[in-house]
Amino acid sequence: QVQLVESGGGLVQPGGSLRLSCAAPASGSIFRTYVMSWYRQAPGKQRELVADITNGGSTNYADSVKGRFTISRDNAKNTVFLQMNSLKSEDTAVYYCKASLYRDAGGYWGQGTQVTVSS
């Protein structure tokens, strides 16, 4: 069992930035073996992949966020980050962190953090 705790969400104006964090404080050294992903779910829409990062540091992004979002991980702190720049209203959603053994596999989910982009 891996417990994931997201933080960093909030209200931001269009064009602004936020940095989300997802910590797995009790996972120990196993954290570095997981693929870490960020998903989001907007009201009335399906949950979608935003970005993921493998244990080797390979990254993957949804087309809608390429060039604006950056995913990174700090294995020493058992934490994954999502730096979000040039935010748009369509980025408004609940953002979830997931830990899995492989990309697109089932895994452990955090509770989600709300991101609202509005003037």
PDB file of N, CA and C in Angstrom:
ATOM      1  N   GLN A   1       0.838  -1.189   0.000  1.00  0.00           N
ATOM      2  CA  GLN A   1       0.000   0.000   0.000  1.00  0.00           C
ATOM      3  C   GLN A   1       0.876   1.242   0.000  1.00  0.00           C
ATOM      4  N   VAL A   2       0.578   2.160  -0.903  1.00  0.00           N
ATOM      5  CA  VAL A   2       1.326   3.406  -1.007  1.00  0.00           C
ATOM      6  C   VAL A   2       0.360   4.558  -0.766  1.00  0.00           C
ATOM      7  N   GLN A   3       0.634   5.364   0.223  1.00  0.00           N
ATOM      8  CA  GLN A   3      -0.193   6.541   0.486  1.00  0.00           C
ATOM      9  C   GLN A   3       0.404   7.741  -0.219  1.00  0.00           C
ATOM     10  N   LEU A   4      -0.427   8.439  -0.991  1.00  0.00           N
ATOM     11  CA  LEU A   4       0.012   9.606  -1.739  1.00  0.00           C
ATOM     12  C   LEU A   4      -0.743  10.836  -1.240  1.00  0.00           C
ATOM     13  N   VAL A   5      -0.016  11.910  -1.035  1.00  0.00           N
ATOM     14  CA  VAL A   5      -0.615  13.141  -0.523  1.00  0.00           C
ATOM     15  C   VAL A   5      -0.268  14.285  -1.454  1.00  0.00           C
ATOM     16  N   GLU A   6      -1.293  14.831  -2.126  1.00  0.00           N
ATOM     17  CA  GLU A   6      -1.085  15.947  -3.050  1.00  0.00           C
ATOM     18  C   GLU A   6      -1.256  17.274  -2.316  1.00  0.00           C
ATOM     19  N   SER A   7      -0.587  18.289  -2.828  1.00  0.00           N
ATOM     20  CA  SER A   7      -0.730  19.640  -2.305  1.00  0.00           C
ATOM     21  C   SER A   7      -0.348  20.632  -3.388  1.00  0.00           C
ATOM     22  N   GLY A   8      -0.681  21.902  -3.161  1.00  0.00           N
ATOM     23  CA  GLY A   8      -0.257  22.955  -4.073  1.00  0.00           C
ATOM     24  C   GLY A   8      -1.347  23.519  -4.959  1.00  0.00           C
ATOM     25  N   GLY A   9      -2.528  22.935  -4.909  1.00  0.00           N
ATOM     26  CA  GLY A   9      -3.620  23.457  -5.723  1.00  0.00           C
ATOM     27  C   GLY A   9      -4.124  24.788  -5.204  1.00  0.00           C
ATOM     28  N   GLY A  10      -5.011  25.407  -5.979  1.00  0.00           N
ATOM     29  CA  GLY A  10      -5.572  26.684  -5.553  1.00  0.00           C
ATOM     30  C   GLY A  10      -6.192  27.434  -6.708  1.00  0.00           C
ATOM     31  N   LEU A  11      -6.464  28.709  -6.462  1.00  0.00           N
ATOM     32  CA  LEU A  11      -7.055  29.595  -7.458  1.00  0.00           C
ATOM     33  C   LEU A  11      -5.963  30.468  -8.052  1.00  0.00           C
ATOM     34  N   VAL A  12      -5.901  30.527  -9.369  1.00  0.00           N
ATOM     35  CA  VAL A  12      -4.885  31.327 -10.046  1.00  0.00           C
ATOM     36  C   VAL A  12      -5.505  31.979 -11.271  1.00  0.00           C
ATOM     37  N   GLN A  13      -5.001  33.146 -11.637  1.00  0.00           N
ATOM     38  CA  GLN A  13      -5.499  33.838 -12.819  1.00  0.00           C
ATOM     39  C   GLN A  13      -4.941  33.222 -14.094  1.00  0.00           C
ATOM     40  N   PRO A  14      -5.647  33.365 -15.193  1.00  0.00           N
ATOM     41  CA  PRO A  14      -5.095  32.886 -16.475  1.00  0.00           C
ATOM     42  C   PRO A  14      -3.722  33.486 -16.721  1.00  0.00           C
ATOM     43  N   GLY A  15      -2.809  32.633 -17.199  1.00  0.00           N
ATOM     44  CA  GLY A  15      -1.439  33.055 -17.423  1.00  0.00           C
ATOM     45  C   GLY A  15      -0.537  32.843 -16.226  1.00  0.00           C
ATOM     46  N   GLY A  16      -1.116  32.502 -15.102  1.00  0.00           N
ATOM     47  CA  GLY A  16      -0.341  32.304 -13.884  1.00  0.00           C
ATOM     48  C   GLY A  16       0.268  30.921 -13.796  1.00  0.00           C
ATOM     49  N   SER A  17       0.904  30.657 -12.651  1.00  0.00           N
ATOM     50  CA  SER A  17       1.614  29.393 -12.436  1.00  0.00           C
ATOM     51  C   SER A  17       1.239  28.789 -11.089  1.00  0.00           C
ATOM     52  N   LEU A  18       1.327  27.467 -11.037  1.00  0.00           N
ATOM     53  CA  LEU A  18       1.186  26.718  -9.794  1.00  0.00           C
ATOM     54  C   LEU A  18       2.158  25.555  -9.838  1.00  0.00           C
ATOM     55  N   ARG A  19       2.564  25.103  -8.666  1.00  0.00           N
ATOM     56  CA  ARG A  19       3.402  23.918  -8.560  1.00  0.00           C
ATOM     57  C   ARG A  19       2.720  22.919  -7.635  1.00  0.00           C
ATOM     58  N   LEU A  20       2.355  21.780  -8.199  1.00  0.00           N
ATOM     59  CA  LEU A  20       1.743  20.721  -7.418  1.00  0.00           C
ATOM     60  C   LEU A  20       2.819  19.765  -6.914  1.00  0.00           C
ATOM     61  N   SER A  21       2.583  19.233  -5.729  1.00  0.00           N
ATOM     62  CA  SER A  21       3.473  18.237  -5.146  1.00  0.00           C
ATOM     63  C   SER A  21       2.676  16.999  -4.771  1.00  0.00           C
ATOM     64  N   CYS A  22       3.316  15.862  -4.868  1.00  0.00           N
ATOM     65  CA  CYS A  22       2.714  14.600  -4.451  1.00  0.00           C
ATOM     66  C   CYS A  22       3.775  13.833  -3.678  1.00  0.00           C
ATOM     67  N   ALA A  23       3.527  13.650  -2.406  1.00  0.00           N
ATOM     68  CA  ALA A  23       4.490  12.987  -1.542  1.00  0.00           C
ATOM     69  C   ALA A  23       4.009  11.593  -1.159  1.00  0.00           C
ATOM     70  N   ALA A  24       4.982  10.700  -1.043  1.00  0.00           N
ATOM     71  CA  ALA A  24       4.706   9.332  -0.578  1.00  0.00           C
ATOM     72  C   ALA A  24       5.610   9.085   0.617  1.00  0.00           C
ATOM     73  N   PRO A  25       5.256   9.658   1.751  1.00  0.00           N
ATOM     74  CA  PRO A  25       6.186   9.712   2.880  1.00  0.00           C
ATOM     75  C   PRO A  25       6.568   8.362   3.476  1.00  0.00           C
ATOM     76  N   ALA A  26       5.690   7.379   3.347  1.00  0.00           N
ATOM     77  CA  ALA A  26       5.962   6.097   4.003  1.00  0.00           C
ATOM     78  C   ALA A  26       6.386   5.003   3.028  1.00  0.00           C
ATOM     79  N   SER A  27       6.664   5.376   1.791  1.00  0.00           N
ATOM     80  CA  SER A  27       6.943   4.355   0.780  1.00  0.00           C
ATOM     81  C   SER A  27       8.378   3.870   0.796  1.00  0.00           C
ATOM     82  N   GLY A  28       9.261   4.636   1.415  1.00  0.00           N
ATOM     83  CA  GLY A  28      10.650   4.209   1.477  1.00  0.00           C
ATOM     84  C   GLY A  28      11.312   4.170   0.111  1.00  0.00           C
ATOM     85  N   SER A  29      12.265   3.279  -0.041  1.00  0.00           N
ATOM     86  CA  SER A  29      13.044   3.227  -1.278  1.00  0.00           C
ATOM     87  C   SER A  29      12.235   2.678  -2.446  1.00  0.00           C
ATOM     88  N   ILE A  30      11.077   2.076  -2.192  1.00  0.00           N
ATOM     89  CA  ILE A  30      10.263   1.538  -3.272  1.00  0.00           C
ATOM     90  C   ILE A  30       9.730   2.650  -4.161  1.00  0.00           C
ATOM     91  N   PHE A  31       9.666   3.875  -3.670  1.00  0.00           N
ATOM     92  CA  PHE A  31       9.147   4.998  -4.455  1.00  0.00           C
ATOM     93  C   PHE A  31       9.874   5.125  -5.778  1.00  0.00           C
ATOM     94  N   ARG A  32      11.174   4.952  -5.745  1.00  0.00           N
ATOM     95  CA  ARG A  32      11.964   5.184  -6.951  1.00  0.00           C
ATOM     96  C   ARG A  32      11.668   4.152  -8.043  1.00  0.00           C
ATOM     97  N   THR A  33      11.006   3.044  -7.701  1.00  0.00           N
ATOM     98  CA  THR A  33      10.691   2.026  -8.709  1.00  0.00           C
ATOM     99  C   THR A  33       9.387   2.306  -9.454  1.00  0.00           C
ATOM    100  N   TYR A  34       8.587   3.235  -8.937  1.00  0.00           N
ATOM    101  CA  TYR A  34       7.272   3.495  -9.508  1.00  0.00           C
ATOM    102  C   TYR A  34       7.318   4.497 -10.659  1.00  0.00           C
ATOM    103  N   VAL A  35       6.428   4.285 -11.623  1.00  0.00           N
ATOM    104  CA  VAL A  35       6.092   5.335 -12.577  1.00  0.00           C
ATOM    105  C   VAL A  35       5.118   6.268 -11.852  1.00  0.00           C
ATOM    106  N   MET A  36       5.398   7.552 -11.870  1.00  0.00           N
ATOM    107  CA  MET A  36       4.543   8.532 -11.199  1.00  0.00           C
ATOM    108  C   MET A  36       3.814   9.350 -12.257  1.00  0.00           C
ATOM    109  N   SER A  37       2.519   9.517 -12.057  1.00  0.00           N
ATOM    110  CA  SER A  37       1.687  10.191 -13.056  1.00  0.00           C
ATOM    111  C   SER A  37       0.828  11.256 -12.399  1.00  0.00           C
ATOM    112  N   TRP A  38       0.489  12.261 -13.202  1.00  0.00           N
ATOM    113  CA  TRP A  38      -0.524  13.242 -12.828  1.00  0.00           C
ATOM    114  C   TRP A  38      -1.675  13.099 -13.809  1.00  0.00           C
ATOM    115  N   TYR A  39      -2.875  13.003 -13.263  1.00  0.00           N
ATOM    116  CA  TYR A  39      -4.109  12.982 -14.037  1.00  0.00           C
ATOM    117  C   TYR A  39      -4.945  14.177 -13.593  1.00  0.00           C
ATOM    118  N   ARG A  40      -5.951  14.491 -14.378  1.00  0.00           N
ATOM    119  CA  ARG A  40      -6.901  15.522 -13.970  1.00  0.00           C
ATOM    120  C   ARG A  40      -8.295  15.150 -14.441  1.00  0.00           C
ATOM    121  N   GLN A  41      -9.266  15.668 -13.710  1.00  0.00           N
ATOM    122  CA  GLN A  41     -10.656  15.434 -14.066  1.00  0.00           C
ATOM    123  C   GLN A  41     -11.435  16.723 -13.879  1.00  0.00           C
ATOM    124  N   ALA A  42     -11.953  17.225 -14.997  1.00  0.00           N
ATOM    125  CA  ALA A  42     -12.778  18.421 -14.965  1.00  0.00           C
ATOM    126  C   ALA A  42     -14.247  18.013 -14.793  1.00  0.00           C
ATOM    127  N   PRO A  43     -15.099  18.908 -14.310  1.00  0.00           N
ATOM    128  CA  PRO A  43     -16.516  18.578 -14.121  1.00  0.00           C
ATOM    129  C   PRO A  43     -17.157  18.077 -15.407  1.00  0.00           C
ATOM    130  N   GLY A  44     -17.821  16.929 -15.331  1.00  0.00           N
ATOM    131  CA  GLY A  44     -18.509  16.382 -16.481  1.00  0.00           C
ATOM    132  C   GLY A  44     -17.622  15.705 -17.498  1.00  0.00           C
ATOM    133  N   LYS A  45     -16.332  15.583 -17.198  1.00  0.00           N
ATOM    134  CA  LYS A  45     -15.393  14.965 -18.143  1.00  0.00           C
ATOM    135  C   LYS A  45     -14.718  13.760 -17.508  1.00  0.00           C
ATOM    136  N   GLN A  46     -14.146  12.926 -18.371  1.00  0.00           N
ATOM    137  CA  GLN A  46     -13.410  11.764 -17.880  1.00  0.00           C
ATOM    138  C   GLN A  46     -12.039  12.187 -17.367  1.00  0.00           C
ATOM    139  N   ARG A  47     -11.517  11.385 -16.468  1.00  0.00           N
ATOM    140  CA  ARG A  47     -10.171  11.616 -15.978  1.00  0.00           C
ATOM    141  C   ARG A  47      -9.186  11.397 -17.124  1.00  0.00           C
ATOM    142  N   GLU A  48      -8.205  12.283 -17.254  1.00  0.00           N
ATOM    143  CA  GLU A  48      -7.242  12.187 -18.352  1.00  0.00           C
ATOM    144  C   GLU A  48      -5.812  12.312 -17.829  1.00  0.00           C
ATOM    145  N   LEU A  49      -4.916  11.661 -18.531  1.00  0.00           N
ATOM    146  CA  LEU A  49      -3.494  11.742 -18.180  1.00  0.00           C
ATOM    147  C   LEU A  49      -2.963  13.117 -18.558  1.00  0.00           C
ATOM    148  N   VAL A  50      -2.241  13.725 -17.628  1.00  0.00           N
ATOM    149  CA  VAL A  50      -1.579  15.009 -17.882  1.00  0.00           C
ATOM    150  C   VAL A  50      -0.101  14.781 -18.210  1.00  0.00           C
ATOM    151  N   ALA A  51       0.566  14.012 -17.361  1.00  0.00           N
ATOM    152  CA  ALA A  51       1.991  13.761 -17.557  1.00  0.00           C
ATOM    153  C   ALA A  51       2.407  12.583 -16.688  1.00  0.00           C
ATOM    154  N   ASP A  52       3.470  11.905 -17.106  1.00  0.00           N
ATOM    155  CA  ASP A  52       4.046  10.877 -16.255  1.00  0.00           C
ATOM    156  C   ASP A  52       5.558  10.872 -16.381  1.00  0.00           C
ATOM    157  N   ILE A  53       6.198  10.227 -15.421  1.00  0.00           N
ATOM    158  CA  ILE A  53       7.658  10.151 -15.387  1.00  0.00           C
ATOM    159  C   ILE A  53       8.043   8.775 -14.869  1.00  0.00           C
ATOM    160  N   THR A  54       8.936   8.111 -15.591  1.00  0.00           N
ATOM    161  CA  THR A  54       9.353   6.771 -15.196  1.00  0.00           C
ATOM    162  C   THR A  54      10.428   6.835 -14.115  1.00  0.00           C
ATOM    163  N   ASN A  55      10.805   5.656 -13.622  1.00  0.00           N
ATOM    164  CA  ASN A  55      11.861   5.622 -12.615  1.00  0.00           C
ATOM    165  C   ASN A  55      13.191   6.066 -13.211  1.00  0.00           C
ATOM    166  N   GLY A  56      13.315   5.972 -14.525  1.00  0.00           N
ATOM    167  CA  GLY A  56      14.541   6.427 -15.172  1.00  0.00           C
ATOM    168  C   GLY A  56      14.516   7.893 -15.578  1.00  0.00           C
ATOM    169  N   GLY A  57      13.388   8.556 -15.340  1.00  0.00           N
ATOM    170  CA  GLY A  57      13.307   9.984 -15.649  1.00  0.00           C
ATOM    171  C   GLY A  57      12.703  10.303 -17.010  1.00  0.00           C
ATOM    172  N   SER A  58      12.267   9.300 -17.745  1.00  0.00           N
ATOM    173  CA  SER A  58      11.617   9.551 -19.032  1.00  0.00           C
ATOM    174  C   SER A  58      10.234  10.149 -18.793  1.00  0.00           C
ATOM    175  N   THR A  59       9.913  11.194 -19.548  1.00  0.00           N
ATOM    176  CA  THR A  59       8.648  11.899 -19.333  1.00  0.00           C
ATOM    177  C   THR A  59       7.733  11.793 -20.546  1.00  0.00           C
ATOM    178  N   ASN A  60       6.463  12.016 -20.270  1.00  0.00           N
ATOM    179  CA  ASN A  60       5.427  11.937 -21.298  1.00  0.00           C
ATOM    180  C   ASN A  60       4.358  12.957 -20.928  1.00  0.00           C
ATOM    181  N   TYR A  61       3.873  13.716 -21.929  1.00  0.00           N
ATOM    182  CA  TYR A  61       2.899  14.770 -21.669  1.00  0.00           C
ATOM    183  C   TYR A  61       1.704  14.671 -22.607  1.00  0.00           C
ATOM    184  N   ALA A  62       0.557  15.081 -22.119  1.00  0.00           N
ATOM    185  CA  ALA A  62      -0.593  15.269 -22.984  1.00  0.00           C
ATOM    186  C   ALA A  62      -0.308  16.440 -23.922  1.00  0.00           C
ATOM    187  N   ASP A  63      -0.824  16.369 -25.139  1.00  0.00           N
ATOM    188  CA  ASP A  63      -0.572  17.436 -26.109  1.00  0.00           C
ATOM    189  C   ASP A  63      -1.040  18.791 -25.588  1.00  0.00           C
ATOM    190  N   SER A  64      -2.102  18.784 -24.814  1.00  0.00           N
ATOM    191  CA  SER A  64      -2.697  20.042 -24.349  1.00  0.00           C
ATOM    192  C   SER A  64      -1.814  20.789 -23.344  1.00  0.00           C
ATOM    193  N   VAL A  65      -0.820  20.109 -22.768  1.00  0.00           N
ATOM    194  CA  VAL A  65       0.016  20.774 -21.753  1.00  0.00           C
ATOM    195  C   VAL A  65       1.481  20.857 -22.168  1.00  0.00           C
ATOM    196  N   LYS A  66       1.842  20.287 -23.296  1.00  0.00           N
ATOM    197  CA  LYS A  66       3.241  20.319 -23.738  1.00  0.00           C
ATOM    198  C   LYS A  66       3.727  21.752 -23.872  1.00  0.00           C
ATOM    199  N   GLY A  67       4.918  21.993 -23.338  1.00  0.00           N
ATOM    200  CA  GLY A  67       5.505  23.325 -23.396  1.00  0.00           C
ATOM    201  C   GLY A  67       5.060  24.232 -22.255  1.00  0.00           C
ATOM    202  N   ARG A  68       4.050  23.812 -21.496  1.00  0.00           N
ATOM    203  CA  ARG A  68       3.558  24.631 -20.378  1.00  0.00           C
ATOM    204  C   ARG A  68       3.766  23.948 -19.026  1.00  0.00           C
ATOM    205  N   PHE A  69       3.657  22.621 -19.001  1.00  0.00           N
ATOM    206  CA  PHE A  69       3.779  21.861 -17.749  1.00  0.00           C
ATOM    207  C   PHE A  69       5.084  21.072 -17.761  1.00  0.00           C
ATOM    208  N   THR A  70       5.650  20.886 -16.577  1.00  0.00           N
ATOM    209  CA  THR A  70       6.853  20.080 -16.425  1.00  0.00           C
ATOM    210  C   THR A  70       6.695  19.159 -15.225  1.00  0.00           C
ATOM    211  N   ILE A  71       6.896  17.872 -15.455  1.00  0.00           N
ATOM    212  CA  ILE A  71       6.852  16.895 -14.366  1.00  0.00           C
ATOM    213  C   ILE A  71       8.281  16.560 -13.962  1.00  0.00           C
ATOM    214  N   SER A  72       8.493  16.400 -12.668  1.00  0.00           N
ATOM    215  CA  SER A  72       9.818  16.030 -12.172  1.00  0.00           C
ATOM    216  C   SER A  72       9.639  15.216 -10.890  1.00  0.00           C
ATOM    217  N   ARG A  73      10.720  14.573 -10.472  1.00  0.00           N
ATOM    218  CA  ARG A  73      10.648  13.776  -9.260  1.00  0.00           C
ATOM    219  C   ARG A  73      11.925  13.927  -8.452  1.00  0.00           C
ATOM    220  N   ASP A  74      11.774  13.818  -7.142  1.00  0.00           N
ATOM    221  CA  ASP A  74      12.905  13.830  -6.230  1.00  0.00           C
ATOM    222  C   ASP A  74      12.818  12.536  -5.428  1.00  0.00           C
ATOM    223  N   ASN A  75      13.569  11.535  -5.845  1.00  0.00           N
ATOM    224  CA  ASN A  75      13.463  10.225  -5.193  1.00  0.00           C
ATOM    225  C   ASN A  75      13.965  10.258  -3.750  1.00  0.00           C
ATOM    226  N   ALA A  76      14.869  11.157  -3.451  1.00  0.00           N
ATOM    227  CA  ALA A  76      15.370  11.265  -2.079  1.00  0.00           C
ATOM    228  C   ALA A  76      14.285  11.734  -1.120  1.00  0.00           C
ATOM    229  N   LYS A  77      13.320  12.492  -1.662  1.00  0.00           N
ATOM    230  CA  LYS A  77      12.225  13.019  -0.843  1.00  0.00           C
ATOM    231  C   LYS A  77      10.906  12.305  -1.118  1.00  0.00           C
ATOM    232  N   ASN A  78      10.950  11.271  -1.957  1.00  0.00           N
ATOM    233  CA  ASN A  78       9.731  10.512  -2.295  1.00  0.00           C
ATOM    234  C   ASN A  78       8.609  11.432  -2.765  1.00  0.00           C
ATOM    235  N   THR A  79       8.966  12.339  -3.652  1.00  0.00           N
ATOM    236  CA  THR A  79       8.015  13.359  -4.085  1.00  0.00           C
ATOM    237  C   THR A  79       8.089  13.553  -5.598  1.00  0.00           C
ATOM    238  N   VAL A  80       6.933  13.765  -6.204  1.00  0.00           N
ATOM    239  CA  VAL A  80       6.855  14.126  -7.615  1.00  0.00           C
ATOM    240  C   VAL A  80       6.174  15.491  -7.706  1.00  0.00           C
ATOM    241  N   PHE A  81       6.600  16.270  -8.686  1.00  0.00           N
ATOM    242  CA  PHE A  81       6.109  17.645  -8.839  1.00  0.00           C
ATOM    243  C   PHE A  81       5.483  17.832 -10.215  1.00  0.00           C
ATOM    244  N   LEU A  82       4.587  18.794 -10.297  1.00  0.00           N
ATOM    245  CA  LEU A  82       4.045  19.231 -11.577  1.00  0.00           C
ATOM    246  C   LEU A  82       4.074  20.752 -11.588  1.00  0.00           C
ATOM    247  N   GLN A  83       5.016  21.306 -12.347  1.00  0.00           N
ATOM    248  CA  GLN A  83       5.103  22.751 -12.510  1.00  0.00           C
ATOM    249  C   GLN A  83       4.187  23.146 -13.662  1.00  0.00           C
ATOM    250  N   MET A  84       3.226  24.009 -13.386  1.00  0.00           N
ATOM    251  CA  MET A  84       2.237  24.399 -14.387  1.00  0.00           C
ATOM    252  C   MET A  84       2.373  25.900 -14.648  1.00  0.00           C
ATOM    253  N   ASN A  85       2.735  26.242 -15.866  1.00  0.00           N
ATOM    254  CA  ASN A  85       2.888  27.635 -16.274  1.00  0.00           C
ATOM    255  C   ASN A  85       1.871  27.981 -17.351  1.00  0.00           C
ATOM    256  N   SER A  86       1.676  29.268 -17.574  1.00  0.00           N
ATOM    257  CA  SER A  86       0.760  29.749 -18.616  1.00  0.00           C
ATOM    258  C   SER A  86      -0.589  29.055 -18.511  1.00  0.00           C
ATOM    259  N   LEU A  87      -1.120  29.031 -17.318  1.00  0.00           N
ATOM    260  CA  LEU A  87      -2.369  28.303 -17.077  1.00  0.00           C
ATOM    261  C   LEU A  87      -3.536  28.936 -17.809  1.00  0.00           C
ATOM    262  N   LYS A  88      -4.433  28.065 -18.242  1.00  0.00           N
ATOM    263  CA  LYS A  88      -5.627  28.477 -18.982  1.00  0.00           C
ATOM    264  C   LYS A  88      -6.873  28.026 -18.216  1.00  0.00           C
ATOM    265  N   SER A  89      -7.993  28.607 -18.549  1.00  0.00           N
ATOM    266  CA  SER A  89      -9.238  28.240 -17.861  1.00  0.00           C
ATOM    267  C   SER A  89      -9.549  26.759 -18.049  1.00  0.00           C
ATOM    268  N   GLU A  90      -9.152  26.224 -19.195  1.00  0.00           N
ATOM    269  CA  GLU A  90      -9.424  24.804 -19.464  1.00  0.00           C
ATOM    270  C   GLU A  90      -8.543  23.860 -18.662  1.00  0.00           C
ATOM    271  N   ASP A  91      -7.593  24.398 -17.928  1.00  0.00           N
ATOM    272  CA  ASP A  91      -6.790  23.569 -17.026  1.00  0.00           C
ATOM    273  C   ASP A  91      -7.488  23.354 -15.686  1.00  0.00           C
ATOM    274  N   THR A  92      -8.610  24.027 -15.487  1.00  0.00           N
ATOM    275  CA  THR A  92      -9.361  23.868 -14.243  1.00  0.00           C
ATOM    276  C   THR A  92      -9.844  22.435 -14.087  1.00  0.00           C
ATOM    277  N   ALA A  93      -9.486  21.814 -12.970  1.00  0.00           N
ATOM    278  CA  ALA A  93      -9.819  20.406 -12.732  1.00  0.00           C
ATOM    279  C   ALA A  93      -9.320  20.013 -11.345  1.00  0.00           C
ATOM    280  N   VAL A  94      -9.715  18.823 -10.941  1.00  0.00           N
ATOM    281  CA  VAL A  94      -9.083  18.187  -9.788  1.00  0.00           C
ATOM    282  C   VAL A  94      -7.905  17.377 -10.325  1.00  0.00           C
ATOM    283  N   TYR A  95      -6.737  17.605  -9.748  1.00  0.00           N
ATOM    284  CA  TYR A  95      -5.527  16.927 -10.191  1.00  0.00           C
ATOM    285  C   TYR A  95      -5.189  15.805  -9.215  1.00  0.00           C
ATOM    286  N   TYR A  96      -4.923  14.617  -9.784  1.00  0.00           N
ATOM    287  CA  TYR A  96      -4.634  13.428  -9.005  1.00  0.00           C
ATOM    288  C   TYR A  96      -3.244  12.898  -9.330  1.00  0.00           C
ATOM    289  N   CYS A  97      -2.600  12.388  -8.336  1.00  0.00           N
ATOM    290  CA  CYS A  97      -1.310  11.740  -8.468  1.00  0.00           C
ATOM    291  C   CYS A  97      -1.515  10.223  -8.418  1.00  0.00           C
ATOM    292  N   LYS A  98      -0.739   9.496  -9.226  1.00  0.00           N
ATOM    293  CA  LYS A  98      -0.833   8.045  -9.226  1.00  0.00           C
ATOM    294  C   LYS A  98       0.562   7.432  -9.229  1.00  0.00           C
ATOM    295  N   ALA A  99       0.713   6.350  -8.487  1.00  0.00           N
ATOM    296  CA  ALA A  99       1.947   5.560  -8.494  1.00  0.00           C
ATOM    297  C   ALA A  99       1.627   4.198  -9.059  1.00  0.00           C
ATOM    298  N   SER A 100       2.377   3.741 -10.055  1.00  0.00           N
ATOM    299  CA  SER A 100       2.129   2.447 -10.674  1.00  0.00           C
ATOM    300  C   SER A 100       3.444   1.819 -11.092  1.00  0.00           C
ATOM    301  N   LEU A 101       3.393   0.511 -11.318  1.00  0.00           N
ATOM    302  CA  LEU A 101       4.614  -0.178 -11.718  1.00  0.00           C
ATOM    303  C   LEU A 101       4.942   0.059 -13.194  1.00  0.00           C
ATOM    304  N   TYR A 102       3.902   0.287 -13.993  1.00  0.00           N
ATOM    305  CA  TYR A 102       4.091   0.532 -15.419  1.00  0.00           C
ATOM    306  C   TYR A 102       3.170   1.658 -15.864  1.00  0.00           C
ATOM    307  N   ARG A 103       3.538   2.295 -16.969  1.00  0.00           N
ATOM    308  CA  ARG A 103       2.652   3.296 -17.556  1.00  0.00           C
ATOM    309  C   ARG A 103       1.333   2.645 -17.917  1.00  0.00           C
ATOM    310  N   ASP A 104       0.249   3.362 -17.725  1.00  0.00           N
ATOM    311  CA  ASP A 104      -1.105   2.936 -18.081  1.00  0.00           C
ATOM    312  C   ASP A 104      -1.599   1.768 -17.240  1.00  0.00           C
ATOM    313  N   ALA A 105      -0.864   1.394 -16.207  1.00  0.00           N
ATOM    314  CA  ALA A 105      -1.297   0.312 -15.320  1.00  0.00           C
ATOM    315  C   ALA A 105      -2.081   0.878 -14.149  1.00  0.00           C
ATOM    316  N   GLY A 106      -2.834   0.029 -13.500  1.00  0.00           N
ATOM    317  CA  GLY A 106      -3.501   0.431 -12.274  1.00  0.00           C
ATOM    318  C   GLY A 106      -2.464   0.714 -11.203  1.00  0.00           C
ATOM    319  N   GLY A 107      -2.894   1.436 -10.180  1.00  0.00           N
ATOM    320  CA  GLY A 107      -1.933   1.752  -9.133  1.00  0.00           C
ATOM    321  C   GLY A 107      -2.602   2.408  -7.946  1.00  0.00           C
ATOM    322  N   TYR A 108      -1.815   3.171  -7.231  1.00  0.00           N
ATOM    323  CA  TYR A 108      -2.286   3.864  -6.036  1.00  0.00           C
ATOM    324  C   TYR A 108      -2.553   5.327  -6.378  1.00  0.00           C
ATOM    325  N   TRP A 109      -3.654   5.840  -5.830  1.00  0.00           N
ATOM    326  CA  TRP A 109      -4.074   7.205  -6.139  1.00  0.00           C
ATOM    327  C   TRP A 109      -4.073   8.086  -4.893  1.00  0.00           C
ATOM    328  N   GLY A 110      -3.794   9.350  -5.104  1.00  0.00           N
ATOM    329  CA  GLY A 110      -3.952  10.337  -4.051  1.00  0.00           C
ATOM    330  C   GLY A 110      -5.392  10.821  -4.003  1.00  0.00           C
ATOM    331  N   GLN A 111      -5.654  11.742  -3.080  1.00  0.00           N
ATOM    332  CA  GLN A 111      -7.020  12.201  -2.869  1.00  0.00           C
ATOM    333  C   GLN A 111      -7.425  13.334  -3.814  1.00  0.00           C
ATOM    334  N   GLY A 112      -6.454  13.915  -4.487  1.00  0.00           N
ATOM    335  CA  GLY A 112      -6.730  14.983  -5.437  1.00  0.00           C
ATOM    336  C   GLY A 112      -6.572  16.365  -4.835  1.00  0.00           C
ATOM    337  N   THR A 113      -6.223  17.316  -5.697  1.00  0.00           N
ATOM    338  CA  THR A 113      -6.115  18.714  -5.289  1.00  0.00           C
ATOM    339  C   THR A 113      -6.751  19.581  -6.376  1.00  0.00           C
ATOM    340  N   GLN A 114      -7.562  20.544  -5.956  1.00  0.00           N
ATOM    341  CA  GLN A 114      -8.328  21.367  -6.905  1.00  0.00           C
ATOM    342  C   GLN A 114      -7.452  22.482  -7.462  1.00  0.00           C
ATOM    343  N   VAL A 115      -7.485  22.616  -8.779  1.00  0.00           N
ATOM    344  CA  VAL A 115      -6.849  23.741  -9.462  1.00  0.00           C
ATOM    345  C   VAL A 115      -7.936  24.501 -10.208  1.00  0.00           C
ATOM    346  N   THR A 116      -8.061  25.781  -9.922  1.00  0.00           N
ATOM    347  CA  THR A 116      -9.056  26.624 -10.572  1.00  0.00           C
ATOM    348  C   THR A 116      -8.355  27.799 -11.222  1.00  0.00           C
ATOM    349  N   VAL A 117      -8.535  27.933 -12.532  1.00  0.00           N
ATOM    350  CA  VAL A 117      -7.935  29.035 -13.278  1.00  0.00           C
ATOM    351  C   VAL A 117      -9.062  29.972 -13.695  1.00  0.00           C
ATOM    352  N   SER A 118      -9.070  31.143 -13.100  1.00  0.00           N
ATOM    353  CA  SER A 118     -10.162  32.076 -13.347  1.00  0.00           C
ATOM    354  C   SER A 118      -9.731  33.491 -12.988  1.00  0.00           C
ATOM    355  N   SER A 119     -10.273  34.445 -13.725  1.00  0.00           N
ATOM    356  CA  SER A 119     -10.012  35.842 -13.404  1.00  0.00           C
ATOM    357  C   SER A 119     -11.087  36.393 -12.463  1.00  0.00           C
TER     358      SER A 119
END
